[in-house]
N, C-alpha and C. Protein backbone atom coordinates (compact mmCIF):
# COMPACT_ATOMS: atom_id res chain seq x y z
N MET A 1 -20.07 -17.47 -10.50
CA MET A 1 -19.57 -17.19 -11.67
C MET A 1 -18.16 -16.37 -11.52
N ASN A 2 -17.45 -16.35 -12.79
CA ASN A 2 -16.08 -15.60 -12.79
C ASN A 2 -16.30 -13.95 -13.29
N TYR A 3 -15.97 -13.57 -12.58
CA TYR A 3 -15.84 -11.74 -12.48
C TYR A 3 -14.57 -11.25 -13.34
N ILE A 4 -13.75 -12.07 -13.66
CA ILE A 4 -12.34 -11.95 -14.38
C ILE A 4 -12.37 -12.04 -15.50
N THR A 5 -12.18 -11.07 -16.47
CA THR A 5 -12.36 -11.59 -18.02
C THR A 5 -10.97 -11.53 -18.72
N GLY A 6 -10.69 -12.09 -19.72
CA GLY A 6 -9.43 -12.18 -20.80
C GLY A 6 -8.29 -13.03 -19.89
N LYS A 7 -7.43 -12.59 -20.53
CA LYS A 7 -6.15 -13.36 -20.09
C LYS A 7 -5.79 -12.63 -18.60
N VAL A 8 -5.31 -14.04 -17.62
CA VAL A 8 -5.18 -13.99 -16.64
C VAL A 8 -3.30 -13.85 -16.23
N PHE A 9 -2.42 -13.51 -15.79
CA PHE A 9 -1.27 -13.51 -15.69
C PHE A 9 -1.12 -13.73 -14.06
N ILE A 10 -0.25 -14.58 -13.68
CA ILE A 10 -0.43 -15.14 -12.17
C ILE A 10 1.22 -14.82 -11.66
N ASP A 11 1.10 -14.40 -9.97
CA ASP A 11 2.56 -13.84 -10.00
C ASP A 11 2.80 -15.21 -9.17
N THR A 12 4.17 -15.26 -8.62
CA THR A 12 4.72 -16.40 -8.14
C THR A 12 4.03 -16.99 -6.80
N ASN A 13 3.63 -15.87 -5.91
CA ASN A 13 2.61 -15.77 -4.42
C ASN A 13 1.50 -16.83 -5.07
N ILE A 14 1.17 -16.38 -6.00
CA ILE A 14 -0.08 -17.31 -6.26
C ILE A 14 -0.24 -18.96 -6.16
N LEU A 15 0.88 -19.33 -7.22
CA LEU A 15 1.27 -20.41 -7.28
C LEU A 15 1.76 -21.13 -5.99
N VAL A 16 2.78 -20.59 -5.04
CA VAL A 16 3.18 -21.01 -3.65
C VAL A 16 1.71 -21.12 -2.93
N TYR A 17 1.20 -20.48 -2.82
CA TYR A 17 0.01 -20.57 -1.92
C TYR A 17 -1.06 -21.62 -2.28
N LEU A 18 -1.03 -22.24 -3.88
CA LEU A 18 -1.57 -22.87 -4.68
C LEU A 18 -1.30 -24.67 -3.72
N LEU A 19 0.24 -24.24 -3.44
CA LEU A 19 0.39 -25.63 -2.65
C LEU A 19 1.08 -25.57 -1.18
N SER A 20 0.65 -24.55 -0.65
CA SER A 20 0.83 -24.29 0.69
C SER A 20 0.36 -25.20 1.69
N ASP A 21 1.41 -25.70 2.53
CA ASP A 21 0.74 -26.47 3.67
C ASP A 21 0.37 -25.80 4.76
N THR A 22 0.96 -24.35 4.99
CA THR A 22 1.18 -23.60 6.11
C THR A 22 -0.30 -22.76 5.97
N GLU A 23 -0.82 -22.21 4.81
CA GLU A 23 -2.09 -21.29 5.13
C GLU A 23 -3.32 -22.03 4.17
N PRO A 24 -4.03 -23.02 4.95
CA PRO A 24 -5.04 -23.67 3.68
C PRO A 24 -5.78 -22.84 3.28
N ASP A 25 -6.09 -21.91 4.18
CA ASP A 25 -7.34 -21.04 3.67
C ASP A 25 -6.71 -20.48 2.37
N LYS A 26 -5.65 -19.65 2.40
CA LYS A 26 -5.10 -19.46 1.09
C LYS A 26 -5.34 -20.40 0.01
N ARG A 27 -4.76 -21.35 0.08
CA ARG A 27 -4.71 -22.61 -0.63
C ARG A 27 -5.92 -22.87 -1.41
N LYS A 28 -7.15 -23.02 -0.75
CA LYS A 28 -8.28 -23.09 -0.62
C LYS A 28 -9.10 -21.98 -1.86
N ASN A 29 -8.52 -20.80 -1.37
CA ASN A 29 -9.03 -19.71 -2.31
C ASN A 29 -8.43 -19.78 -3.60
N ILE A 30 -7.15 -19.97 -3.78
CA ILE A 30 -6.79 -20.00 -4.97
C ILE A 30 -7.03 -21.15 -5.63
N GLN A 31 -7.02 -22.41 -4.97
CA GLN A 31 -7.66 -23.39 -5.87
C GLN A 31 -9.02 -23.36 -6.87
N SER A 32 -9.74 -22.52 -5.79
CA SER A 32 -10.97 -22.31 -5.99
C SER A 32 -11.05 -21.09 -7.35
N LEU A 33 -10.27 -20.03 -6.89
CA LEU A 33 -10.18 -19.15 -8.29
C LEU A 33 -9.35 -19.71 -9.69
N LEU A 34 -8.63 -20.31 -8.99
CA LEU A 34 -7.99 -20.58 -10.93
C LEU A 34 -8.85 -22.14 -11.13
N GLY A 35 -9.85 -22.87 -10.69
CA GLY A 35 -10.22 -23.84 -11.24
C GLY A 35 -11.37 -22.58 -11.82
N GLN A 36 -11.83 -21.71 -11.60
CA GLN A 36 -12.82 -20.75 -12.42
C GLN A 36 -12.22 -20.48 -13.37
N ILE A 37 -10.79 -19.99 -13.31
CA ILE A 37 -10.35 -19.20 -14.42
C ILE A 37 -9.64 -19.91 -15.10
N GLU A 38 -9.24 -21.02 -14.95
CA GLU A 38 -8.59 -22.24 -16.20
C GLU A 38 -9.63 -22.53 -16.88
N GLY A 39 -10.91 -22.54 -16.56
CA GLY A 39 -11.81 -23.17 -17.67
C GLY A 39 -12.32 -21.76 -18.43
N GLU A 40 -11.78 -20.97 -18.09
CA GLU A 40 -12.55 -19.08 -18.73
C GLU A 40 -12.08 -18.69 -19.37
N ASN A 41 -10.53 -18.53 -19.02
CA ASN A 41 -9.40 -17.62 -18.93
C ASN A 41 -8.30 -18.15 -19.20
N PRO A 42 -7.69 -17.42 -20.43
CA PRO A 42 -5.95 -18.50 -20.68
C PRO A 42 -5.34 -17.55 -19.51
N ILE A 43 -4.25 -18.77 -18.94
CA ILE A 43 -3.59 -18.25 -17.87
C ILE A 43 -1.89 -18.12 -18.49
N VAL A 44 -1.34 -16.70 -17.64
CA VAL A 44 -0.09 -16.81 -18.19
C VAL A 44 0.67 -16.96 -17.10
N TRP A 45 1.75 -16.96 -17.40
CA TRP A 45 3.08 -16.70 -16.73
C TRP A 45 4.18 -16.62 -17.32
N SER A 46 5.48 -16.01 -16.69
CA SER A 46 6.31 -16.07 -17.39
C SER A 46 7.82 -16.70 -16.71
N THR A 47 9.12 -16.83 -17.69
CA THR A 47 10.41 -17.54 -17.19
C THR A 47 10.76 -17.00 -16.01
N GLN A 48 10.55 -15.32 -15.41
CA GLN A 48 11.02 -15.06 -14.49
C GLN A 48 9.81 -15.99 -12.95
N ILE A 49 8.74 -16.08 -13.69
CA ILE A 49 7.80 -16.57 -12.51
C ILE A 49 7.95 -18.02 -12.33
N ILE A 50 8.51 -18.83 -13.12
CA ILE A 50 9.06 -20.18 -12.85
C ILE A 50 9.87 -20.27 -12.05
N GLN A 51 11.07 -19.05 -12.34
CA GLN A 51 12.31 -19.49 -11.40
C GLN A 51 12.16 -18.97 -10.28
N GLU A 52 11.19 -18.36 -9.71
CA GLU A 52 11.22 -17.76 -8.69
C GLU A 52 10.19 -18.86 -7.82
N PHE A 53 9.02 -19.48 -8.41
CA PHE A 53 8.54 -20.53 -8.06
C PHE A 53 9.62 -21.55 -7.51
N TYR A 54 10.05 -21.93 -8.70
CA TYR A 54 11.13 -23.52 -8.26
C TYR A 54 12.21 -23.05 -7.30
N GLN A 55 12.68 -21.90 -7.44
CA GLN A 55 13.74 -21.16 -5.97
C GLN A 55 13.15 -20.90 -4.54
N VAL A 56 11.64 -20.85 -4.23
CA VAL A 56 10.71 -20.48 -3.28
C VAL A 56 10.56 -21.79 -2.84
N MET A 57 9.96 -22.92 -3.49
CA MET A 57 9.58 -24.32 -2.99
C MET A 57 10.94 -25.08 -2.60
N THR A 58 11.62 -24.91 -3.34
CA THR A 58 12.94 -25.70 -3.31
C THR A 58 13.63 -24.86 -2.06
N SER A 59 14.08 -24.08 -1.77
CA SER A 59 15.04 -23.07 -1.04
C SER A 59 14.22 -22.96 0.48
N LYS A 60 12.90 -21.95 0.32
CA LYS A 60 12.16 -21.98 1.50
C LYS A 60 11.46 -22.95 2.19
N TYR A 61 11.12 -23.62 1.22
CA TYR A 61 10.13 -24.70 1.62
C TYR A 61 10.85 -26.39 1.70
N GLY A 62 11.85 -26.38 1.04
CA GLY A 62 12.71 -27.63 1.25
C GLY A 62 12.03 -28.57 0.19
N LYS A 63 11.45 -28.28 -0.62
CA LYS A 63 10.51 -29.33 -1.42
C LYS A 63 11.47 -29.58 -2.24
N GLU A 64 11.81 -31.24 -2.87
CA GLU A 64 12.49 -31.60 -3.91
C GLU A 64 12.54 -31.02 -4.90
N PRO A 65 13.70 -30.83 -5.55
CA PRO A 65 13.56 -30.07 -7.18
C PRO A 65 13.13 -30.93 -8.17
N GLN A 66 12.90 -32.44 -8.32
CA GLN A 66 12.63 -33.27 -9.18
C GLN A 66 10.61 -33.02 -8.94
N LYS A 67 10.28 -32.53 -7.65
CA LYS A 67 8.74 -32.93 -7.26
C LYS A 67 8.59 -31.21 -7.77
N ILE A 68 9.05 -30.48 -7.46
CA ILE A 68 8.71 -29.08 -8.14
C ILE A 68 8.68 -29.07 -9.51
N LYS A 69 9.83 -29.81 -10.40
CA LYS A 69 10.05 -29.88 -11.51
C LYS A 69 8.69 -30.42 -12.44
N ALA A 70 8.25 -31.56 -11.64
CA ALA A 70 6.89 -32.72 -11.91
C ALA A 70 5.62 -31.36 -11.91
N ILE A 71 5.65 -30.50 -10.67
CA ILE A 71 4.44 -29.76 -10.48
C ILE A 71 4.87 -28.88 -11.64
N ILE A 72 5.91 -28.01 -12.19
CA ILE A 72 6.02 -27.13 -13.35
C ILE A 72 5.44 -27.77 -14.93
N LYS A 73 5.98 -28.84 -14.84
CA LYS A 73 5.38 -29.27 -16.31
C LYS A 73 3.58 -29.63 -15.98
N GLN A 74 3.01 -29.69 -14.98
CA GLN A 74 1.42 -29.79 -14.81
C GLN A 74 1.15 -28.51 -15.51
N PHE A 75 1.76 -27.45 -15.42
CA PHE A 75 1.24 -25.90 -15.62
C PHE A 75 1.66 -25.86 -17.24
N THR A 76 1.85 -26.78 -18.36
CA THR A 76 2.24 -26.55 -19.44
C THR A 76 0.98 -26.03 -20.47
N THR A 77 0.06 -25.93 -20.05
CA THR A 77 -1.01 -25.31 -20.69
C THR A 77 -1.22 -23.48 -20.56
N PHE A 78 -0.51 -23.03 -19.79
CA PHE A 78 0.09 -21.96 -19.41
C PHE A 78 0.55 -21.48 -20.37
N GLU A 79 0.19 -19.96 -20.92
CA GLU A 79 0.96 -19.33 -21.92
C GLU A 79 2.62 -19.01 -21.50
N THR A 80 3.40 -18.55 -21.81
CA THR A 80 4.67 -18.54 -21.25
C THR A 80 5.28 -17.22 -21.73
N VAL A 81 5.66 -16.44 -21.13
CA VAL A 81 6.31 -15.06 -21.57
C VAL A 81 7.82 -15.24 -21.19
N ILE A 82 8.65 -15.03 -22.31
CA ILE A 82 9.83 -14.90 -22.12
C ILE A 82 10.50 -14.01 -22.10
N ASN A 83 11.17 -13.17 -21.02
CA ASN A 83 11.41 -12.25 -20.65
C ASN A 83 12.74 -11.83 -21.40
N GLY A 84 12.76 -11.23 -22.54
CA GLY A 84 13.82 -10.65 -23.50
C GLY A 84 13.72 -9.20 -23.09
N ILE A 85 14.78 -8.60 -23.93
CA ILE A 85 15.19 -7.18 -23.84
C ILE A 85 14.46 -6.43 -23.93
N ASP A 86 12.90 -6.44 -24.91
CA ASP A 86 12.02 -5.77 -24.88
C ASP A 86 11.21 -5.64 -23.52
N THR A 87 10.94 -6.91 -22.99
CA THR A 87 10.38 -6.71 -21.68
C THR A 87 11.06 -6.10 -20.43
N ILE A 88 12.37 -6.29 -20.70
CA ILE A 88 13.33 -6.01 -19.29
C ILE A 88 13.10 -3.93 -19.64
N ASN A 89 13.48 -3.76 -20.85
CA ASN A 89 13.10 -2.46 -20.92
C ASN A 89 12.22 -1.75 -20.59
N ASN A 90 11.12 -2.38 -20.88
CA ASN A 90 9.30 -1.59 -20.86
C ASN A 90 9.42 -1.77 -19.12
N ALA A 91 9.63 -3.12 -18.60
CA ALA A 91 9.85 -3.19 -17.17
C ALA A 91 10.59 -1.41 -16.54
N ILE A 92 11.47 -1.55 -16.78
CA ILE A 92 12.27 -0.29 -16.46
C ILE A 92 11.49 1.00 -16.51
N ASP A 93 10.77 1.18 -17.54
CA ASP A 93 10.00 2.00 -17.79
C ASP A 93 8.98 2.25 -16.77
N ILE A 94 8.42 1.07 -16.55
CA ILE A 94 7.14 0.86 -15.60
C ILE A 94 7.89 0.94 -14.30
N GLN A 95 9.01 0.83 -14.03
CA GLN A 95 9.47 1.19 -12.80
C GLN A 95 9.73 2.20 -12.58
N VAL A 96 10.30 3.02 -13.38
CA VAL A 96 10.45 4.86 -13.33
C VAL A 96 9.21 5.30 -12.68
N LEU A 97 8.29 4.92 -14.08
CA LEU A 97 7.12 5.79 -13.85
C LEU A 97 6.09 5.60 -12.57
N ASN A 98 6.45 4.15 -11.74
CA ASN A 98 5.35 4.20 -11.20
C ASN A 98 5.90 3.47 -9.40
N ASN A 99 7.28 4.23 -9.41
CA ASN A 99 8.13 3.74 -8.28
C ASN A 99 7.98 2.60 -7.99
N LEU A 100 7.92 1.52 -8.59
CA LEU A 100 8.01 0.07 -8.23
C LEU A 100 9.13 -0.65 -8.26
N SER A 101 9.52 -1.96 -7.46
CA SER A 101 10.55 -2.57 -7.55
C SER A 101 10.83 -2.93 -9.27
N PHE A 102 12.23 -3.09 -9.49
CA PHE A 102 12.06 -3.46 -11.11
C PHE A 102 11.78 -5.45 -11.42
N TRP A 103 11.53 -6.14 -10.10
CA TRP A 103 10.90 -7.35 -10.19
C TRP A 103 9.64 -7.23 -10.48
N ASP A 104 9.12 -6.52 -9.34
CA ASP A 104 7.35 -6.39 -9.63
C ASP A 104 6.98 -5.77 -11.28
N SER A 105 7.88 -4.91 -11.64
CA SER A 105 8.01 -4.10 -13.09
C SER A 105 8.19 -5.17 -13.82
N LEU A 106 8.76 -6.29 -13.96
CA LEU A 106 9.03 -6.91 -14.50
C LEU A 106 8.11 -8.00 -14.78
N VAL A 107 7.38 -8.34 -13.92
CA VAL A 107 6.62 -9.28 -13.90
C VAL A 107 4.83 -8.29 -14.31
N ILE A 108 4.76 -7.29 -14.10
CA ILE A 108 3.78 -6.38 -15.02
C ILE A 108 4.01 -6.20 -16.40
N SER A 109 5.58 -6.04 -16.96
CA SER A 109 5.78 -5.84 -18.04
C SER A 109 5.65 -7.31 -19.13
N ALA A 110 5.63 -8.37 -18.32
CA ALA A 110 5.54 -9.48 -19.30
C ALA A 110 3.72 -9.75 -18.96
N ALA A 111 2.96 -9.34 -18.55
CA ALA A 111 1.57 -9.21 -18.69
C ALA A 111 1.11 -8.09 -19.51
N VAL A 112 1.55 -7.09 -19.80
CA VAL A 112 1.22 -5.95 -20.57
C VAL A 112 1.61 -6.86 -22.34
N GLN A 113 2.95 -7.48 -22.11
CA GLN A 113 3.49 -8.02 -23.17
C GLN A 113 2.52 -9.09 -23.58
N SER A 114 2.03 -9.73 -23.17
CA SER A 114 1.09 -10.89 -23.36
C SER A 114 -0.61 -10.57 -23.34
N SER A 115 -0.73 -9.26 -23.38
CA SER A 115 -1.87 -8.67 -23.56
C SER A 115 -2.97 -9.24 -22.18
N CYS A 116 -2.62 -9.30 -21.36
CA CYS A 116 -3.16 -9.89 -20.06
C CYS A 116 -3.97 -8.76 -19.59
N SER A 117 -5.51 -8.94 -19.22
CA SER A 117 -6.38 -7.63 -18.50
C SER A 117 -5.97 -7.88 -16.84
N THR A 118 -5.63 -9.08 -16.31
CA THR A 118 -5.57 -8.82 -15.03
C THR A 118 -4.53 -9.60 -14.87
N LEU A 119 -3.50 -9.25 -13.50
CA LEU A 119 -2.54 -9.91 -12.69
C LEU A 119 -2.98 -10.20 -11.37
N LEU A 120 -2.90 -11.55 -11.34
CA LEU A 120 -3.30 -11.73 -9.62
C LEU A 120 -1.79 -12.22 -8.90
N THR A 121 -2.03 -11.25 -7.99
CA THR A 121 -1.01 -11.48 -6.77
C THR A 121 -1.56 -10.26 -5.44
N GLU A 122 -0.60 -10.57 -4.70
CA GLU A 122 -0.50 -9.92 -3.31
C GLU A 122 0.40 -9.01 -3.04
N ASP A 123 1.13 -8.65 -4.22
CA ASP A 123 2.35 -7.79 -3.98
C ASP A 123 1.99 -6.45 -4.44
N LEU A 124 1.04 -6.10 -4.93
CA LEU A 124 0.63 -4.79 -5.55
C LEU A 124 -0.45 -4.20 -4.93
N ASN A 125 -1.16 -3.15 -5.53
CA ASN A 125 -1.77 -2.45 -5.15
C ASN A 125 -3.15 -3.11 -5.84
N HIS A 126 -4.30 -3.52 -4.55
CA HIS A 126 -5.63 -4.23 -5.54
C HIS A 126 -6.36 -3.19 -5.86
N GLY A 127 -6.65 -3.04 -7.39
CA GLY A 127 -7.38 -2.19 -7.98
C GLY A 127 -6.87 -1.82 -8.95
N GLN A 128 -5.29 -1.22 -8.84
CA GLN A 128 -4.60 -0.51 -9.51
C GLN A 128 -4.69 -1.06 -11.18
N ASN A 129 -4.63 -0.04 -12.11
CA ASN A 129 -4.26 -0.42 -13.36
C ASN A 129 -3.14 0.29 -14.13
N ILE A 130 -2.22 -0.97 -14.43
CA ILE A 130 -1.05 -0.28 -14.61
C ILE A 130 -0.71 -0.85 -15.84
N GLY A 131 -0.42 0.08 -17.15
CA GLY A 131 -0.31 -0.50 -18.38
C GLY A 131 -1.58 -1.14 -19.06
N GLY A 132 -2.23 -0.82 -18.69
CA GLY A 132 -3.93 -2.00 -19.05
C GLY A 132 -4.05 -3.01 -18.10
N VAL A 133 -3.55 -3.41 -17.76
CA VAL A 133 -3.30 -4.52 -16.51
C VAL A 133 -3.74 -4.32 -15.23
N MET A 134 -5.04 -4.64 -14.87
CA MET A 134 -5.58 -4.44 -13.52
C MET A 134 -4.98 -5.61 -12.45
N ILE A 135 -4.48 -4.80 -11.62
CA ILE A 135 -4.06 -5.39 -10.27
C ILE A 135 -5.32 -6.05 -9.54
N HIS A 136 -4.92 -7.61 -9.46
CA HIS A 136 -6.22 -8.15 -8.92
C HIS A 136 -5.81 -9.32 -7.29
N ASN A 137 -5.73 -8.91 -6.09
CA ASN A 137 -5.42 -9.32 -5.10
C ASN A 137 -6.39 -10.28 -4.60
N PRO A 138 -6.21 -11.67 -4.77
CA PRO A 138 -7.38 -12.78 -4.19
C PRO A 138 -7.95 -12.46 -2.91
N PHE A 139 -7.12 -11.86 -2.07
CA PHE A 139 -7.40 -12.13 -0.68
C PHE A 139 -8.18 -10.61 0.01
N ALA A 140 -7.85 -9.64 -1.16
CA ALA A 140 -8.54 -8.44 -0.59
C ALA A 140 -9.88 -7.90 -0.07
N GLU A 141 -10.57 -9.23 -0.60
CA GLU A 141 -12.34 -9.23 -0.60
C GLU A 141 -12.44 -9.80 0.86
């Protein structure tokens, strides 16, 4: 049974693990979790996540650009947040108020903007609520 409710924002590291050849346990965990979520909860990402995912997969993991482009196209059912000036300004406020990096704050800002209840990431504190978004690290359990 899915214990996550509402819209779910997915951070870059979650998508990277989904395709990981080096961390099969994390891949299996994420595949299972996303399988549950996708059927019951809208999944959201942002232009930042798409860009970071492409960069990590092609630069760090050496994947072919066209292969990653094809994978990105498979996620067309995800709602996409375009990081505009309001998202950036809110990220700056989140950064200052929570003492976070700008890039993590931009992820949170996009999740807030799209009314997500949950942010899936391993980069922030599991269980913390920022701006009405609950941080969920799927590996913390």
